Amino acid sequence: MNQNQFAEGAKFVPILAPVDAVATAKATNYVDLSESHWATFVVKFGVITTGTATITVEASTAGSSNATEAAIPFKYRLSGAVGTDTLGAITAATSNGATVATDADAKMYIIDVDPAALPANPGADYKWLRVVVSPSTDMAACLVDALAILQPRYASNAIASSS
């Protein structure tokens, strides 16, 4: 049986509407992982011209920008371009992130984060995550959008909010 029928076994959350990320870093909305076993972020790119961008994942103690954001390591796969049905190898990224080059046109980064691996800090609960796409200053175009796919602790027709 497919656990994703009618999105009852997974929570799909749009976290970044399509945008041109030229010259300014674009951060997605935060997602709350307190009710999730796993988080997958799908960061899709359209046209990318000149330069590079960096994708990082940040954990935080709150669902809005604050001074607690901490970049964390993650694992990702890069898809083939639209019209191909391929996935690259699972690759580990450090807290410095993954580099997006111009050959990522029409591809997507599939990023996985295990909530159990989030930073531990006495007195602070790093249960909020976001993705940040930071373009280089020479980038002419960087079309991007993102989606979070969360594995809820309790699958149902009415999954608890993650924002």
Protein backbone atom coordinates (compact mmCIF):
# COMPACT_ATOMS: atom_id res chain seq x y z
CA MET A 1 0.00 0.00 0.00
CA ASN A 2 1.28 3.45 -0.89
CA GLN A 3 1.72 5.46 2.31
CA ASN A 4 1.63 8.73 0.36
CA GLN A 5 -1.88 8.30 -1.02
CA PHE A 6 -3.76 11.55 -0.50
CA ALA A 7 -0.65 12.88 1.32
CA GLU A 8 -1.58 11.01 4.51
CA GLY A 9 1.83 9.40 5.04
CA ALA A 10 3.85 12.50 4.23
CA LYS A 11 3.45 16.22 4.76
CA PHE A 12 4.21 18.33 1.67
CA VAL A 13 4.98 21.95 2.52
CA PRO A 14 5.86 24.60 -0.08
CA ILE A 15 8.64 26.60 1.57
CA LEU A 16 9.96 28.86 -1.21
CA ALA A 17 7.91 30.17 -4.13
CA PRO A 18 9.75 30.38 -7.47
CA VAL A 19 12.17 33.31 -7.31
CA ASP A 20 15.28 34.64 -9.04
CA ALA A 21 17.97 34.48 -6.33
CA VAL A 22 20.41 36.83 -8.05
CA ALA A 23 22.58 38.98 -5.74
CA THR A 24 20.72 38.12 -2.53
CA ALA A 25 20.56 34.94 -0.47
CA LYS A 26 17.09 33.41 -0.38
CA ALA A 27 16.00 31.54 2.73
CA THR A 28 13.01 29.22 2.73
CA ASN A 29 10.34 29.30 5.37
CA TYR A 30 11.18 27.30 8.48
CA VAL A 31 9.64 23.89 9.16
CA ASP A 32 9.06 22.50 12.64
CA LEU A 33 10.46 18.98 13.02
CA SER A 34 9.03 18.27 16.47
CA GLU A 35 6.34 16.01 14.93
CA SER A 36 8.52 14.50 12.18
CA HIS A 37 10.71 11.42 11.89
CA TRP A 38 12.51 12.70 8.80
CA ALA A 39 12.79 15.77 6.57
CA THR A 40 13.45 15.88 2.85
CA PHE A 41 13.89 19.19 1.05
CA VAL A 42 13.50 19.37 -2.73
CA VAL A 43 15.27 22.46 -4.07
CA LYS A 44 14.52 22.89 -7.78
CA PHE A 45 16.49 25.09 -10.14
CA GLY A 46 15.46 26.64 -13.44
CA VAL A 47 17.88 28.77 -15.41
CA ILE A 48 21.27 29.39 -13.81
CA THR A 49 23.74 31.62 -15.65
CA THR A 50 27.25 32.66 -14.68
CA GLY A 51 28.75 32.00 -11.26
CA THR A 52 27.76 29.54 -8.56
CA ALA A 53 25.44 29.36 -5.57
CA THR A 54 25.70 27.55 -2.26
CA ILE A 55 22.92 25.57 -0.59
CA THR A 56 23.07 25.35 3.20
CA VAL A 57 20.67 23.91 5.76
CA GLU A 58 20.18 25.81 9.00
CA ALA A 59 18.75 24.63 12.31
CA SER A 60 17.23 27.13 14.72
CA THR A 61 15.42 27.37 18.03
CA ALA A 62 12.61 29.46 16.53
CA GLY A 63 10.49 29.58 13.41
CA SER A 64 11.68 33.05 12.42
CA SER A 65 15.08 34.63 11.79
CA ASN A 66 17.03 35.08 15.01
CA ALA A 67 20.56 34.71 16.35
CA THR A 68 20.38 30.93 16.87
CA GLU A 69 20.65 29.73 13.25
CA ALA A 70 23.39 27.13 12.90
CA ALA A 71 24.43 25.60 9.58
CA ILE A 72 24.37 21.81 9.78
CA PRO A 73 25.78 19.00 7.62
CA PHE A 74 23.34 17.13 5.38
CA LYS A 75 23.18 14.55 2.61
CA TYR A 76 21.85 15.19 -0.87
CA ARG A 77 21.37 13.80 -4.36
CA LEU A 78 21.36 15.80 -7.57
CA SER A 79 18.80 14.78 -10.17
CA GLY A 80 19.27 14.75 -13.89
CA ALA A 81 17.73 17.56 -15.94
CA VAL A 82 14.05 17.68 -16.84
CA GLY A 83 13.31 14.94 -19.35
CA THR A 84 15.84 12.52 -17.86
CA ASP A 85 15.11 10.03 -15.12
CA THR A 86 18.39 9.87 -13.22
CA LEU A 87 19.65 10.56 -9.73
CA GLY A 88 23.24 11.11 -8.73
CA ALA A 89 24.96 9.39 -5.84
CA ILE A 90 24.13 10.27 -2.24
CA THR A 91 26.67 12.92 -1.28
CA ALA A 92 27.59 14.29 2.14
CA ALA A 93 27.74 18.07 2.52
CA THR A 94 29.44 19.72 5.45
CA SER A 95 27.91 22.65 7.31
CA ASN A 96 29.52 24.81 4.58
CA GLY A 97 26.89 23.45 2.18
CA ALA A 98 26.80 22.20 -1.39
CA THR A 99 27.87 24.14 -4.48
CA VAL A 100 25.36 24.75 -7.27
CA ALA A 101 26.99 25.38 -10.66
CA THR A 102 25.49 26.48 -13.96
CA ASP A 103 25.17 22.83 -15.01
CA ALA A 104 22.35 22.48 -12.41
CA ASP A 105 19.89 24.07 -14.88
CA ALA A 106 16.53 22.27 -14.69
CA LYS A 107 17.76 19.93 -11.95
CA MET A 108 16.83 19.42 -8.31
CA TYR A 109 18.76 18.83 -5.12
CA ILE A 110 17.08 16.28 -2.86
CA ILE A 111 18.32 17.01 0.67
CA ASP A 112 17.73 14.66 3.60
CA VAL A 113 18.01 15.55 7.28
CA ASP A 114 17.49 13.20 10.22
CA PRO A 115 15.91 15.27 13.05
CA ALA A 116 17.82 13.11 15.57
CA ALA A 117 21.06 14.59 14.19
CA LEU A 118 20.17 18.23 14.93
CA PRO A 119 22.51 20.25 17.18
CA ALA A 120 22.17 19.63 20.90
CA ASN A 121 22.49 22.70 23.06
CA PRO A 122 21.52 22.69 26.75
CA GLY A 123 18.44 24.83 27.20
CA ALA A 124 17.78 25.21 23.45
CA ASP A 125 15.65 23.08 21.17
CA TYR A 126 16.91 23.12 17.56
CA LYS A 127 13.72 21.78 16.01
CA TRP A 128 13.29 24.34 13.20
CA LEU A 129 14.98 23.92 9.80
CA ARG A 130 15.30 26.02 6.67
CA VAL A 131 17.33 25.92 3.46
CA VAL A 132 19.33 28.94 2.25
CA VAL A 133 20.44 29.47 -1.37
CA SER A 134 23.30 32.00 -1.56
CA PRO A 135 24.32 33.11 -5.08
CA SER A 136 27.76 34.45 -5.96
CA THR A 137 27.91 38.16 -6.81
CA ASP A 138 28.57 37.46 -10.49
CA MET A 139 25.45 35.34 -10.99
CA ALA A 140 23.16 36.65 -13.76
CA ALA A 141 20.16 34.33 -13.15
CA CYS A 142 19.31 31.73 -10.52
CA LEU A 143 15.68 30.59 -10.64
CA VAL A 144 14.84 28.43 -7.62
CA ASP A 145 11.96 27.10 -5.53
CA ALA A 146 11.70 24.59 -2.69
CA LEU A 147 9.40 22.04 -1.09
CA ALA A 148 9.68 20.23 2.25
CA ILE A 149 8.47 16.63 2.51
CA LEU A 150 8.15 15.58 6.14
CA GLN A 151 7.55 12.09 7.49
CA PRO A 152 5.04 12.71 10.28
CA ARG A 153 5.21 10.79 13.54
CA TYR A 154 1.50 10.02 13.23
CA ALA A 155 0.13 9.65 9.70
CA SER A 156 -3.50 10.72 9.31
CA ASN A 157 -5.93 12.73 7.24
CA ALA A 158 -5.24 15.82 9.41
CA ILE A 159 -1.47 15.97 9.97
CA ALA A 160 -0.27 18.43 12.63
CA SER A 161 1.06 21.79 11.37
CA SER A 162 4.79 22.08 10.76
CA SER A 163 5.02 25.86 10.47
